Protein backbone atom coordinates (compact mmCIF):
# COMPACT_ATOMS: atom_id res chain seq x y z
CA MET A 1 10.63 49.11 12.55
CA SER A 2 9.80 50.13 9.56
CA ILE A 3 6.87 47.25 8.20
CA GLU A 4 6.73 46.81 4.28
CA TYR A 5 4.06 44.21 4.65
CA GLY A 6 0.52 43.36 6.37
CA ILE A 7 -2.00 45.48 8.90
CA PRO A 8 -1.11 46.88 12.58
CA GLN A 9 -2.82 44.08 15.03
CA GLY A 10 -5.34 44.85 16.51
CA PHE A 11 -6.34 46.83 13.27
CA VAL A 12 -10.25 47.45 12.78
CA LEU A 13 -9.73 46.46 9.09
CA SER A 14 -7.39 43.47 9.84
CA SER A 15 -10.91 40.76 9.77
CA LEU A 16 -12.31 42.12 6.95
CA LEU A 17 -9.03 42.60 4.73
CA PHE A 18 -8.23 39.34 6.07
CA ILE A 19 -11.60 37.78 4.79
CA ILE A 20 -10.78 38.77 1.69
CA TYR A 21 -7.62 38.32 1.12
CA ILE A 22 -8.89 34.42 1.57
CA ASN A 23 -11.56 34.40 -0.50
CA ASP A 24 -9.70 35.07 -3.47
CA MET A 25 -7.54 32.70 -2.57
CA ILE A 26 -10.25 30.06 -3.08
CA LYS A 27 -10.63 32.06 -5.91
CA ILE A 28 -7.68 31.11 -7.92
CA CYS A 29 -6.79 27.81 -7.10
CA PRO A 30 -6.60 25.52 -10.15
CA GLU A 31 -9.61 22.65 -9.77
CA GLU A 32 -6.44 20.24 -9.32
CA CYS A 33 -6.39 20.94 -5.84
CA ASN A 34 -8.47 20.96 -2.73
CA ILE A 35 -8.66 23.77 -0.31
CA LYS A 36 -10.47 23.43 3.32
CA ILE A 37 -10.53 26.77 5.68
CA PHE A 38 -11.82 27.63 8.92
CA ALA A 39 -11.60 30.33 10.74
CA ASP A 40 -7.75 31.66 10.30
CA ASP A 41 -6.50 27.66 9.02
CA THR A 42 -6.14 27.31 5.71
CA LEU A 43 -5.33 23.98 4.09
CA ILE A 44 -4.73 22.84 0.16
CA TYR A 45 -3.93 19.46 -0.40
CA VAL A 46 -3.84 17.68 -3.97
CA THR A 47 -3.65 14.03 -4.95
CA GLY A 48 -1.37 11.80 -6.60
CA GLU A 49 0.03 8.86 -7.97
CA SER A 50 3.76 9.85 -6.91
CA SER A 51 5.52 11.75 -4.56
CA THR A 52 6.82 13.31 -7.60
CA GLU A 53 3.32 14.16 -9.17
CA LEU A 54 2.75 15.80 -5.30
CA GLU A 55 5.68 18.14 -5.55
CA ASN A 56 4.96 19.58 -8.63
CA LYS A 57 0.84 20.26 -8.02
CA MET A 58 1.84 21.66 -4.83
CA ASN A 59 4.84 24.21 -6.06
CA MET A 60 1.97 24.66 -9.83
CA VAL A 61 -0.58 26.16 -6.42
CA PHE A 62 2.28 27.87 -4.59
CA SER A 63 3.20 29.79 -7.22
CA ILE A 64 -0.09 30.70 -8.60
CA ILE A 65 -1.31 31.76 -4.50
CA GLU A 66 2.32 33.69 -4.73
CA GLY A 67 1.62 35.52 -7.85
């Protein structure tokens, strides 16, 4: 099966490219969200007064990161 996206596992540049991707994600996250990164784990969280507000904030963050 052909792969359209990603990098083969064990590829020499995979660690470097992962770090570049993660660094860009930190830069584009809006101030409303908090981001914690350790090794290959990423935690994005927001605070709010209601579940609707939390959902709206997270959807905004996800759309920015996907964009």
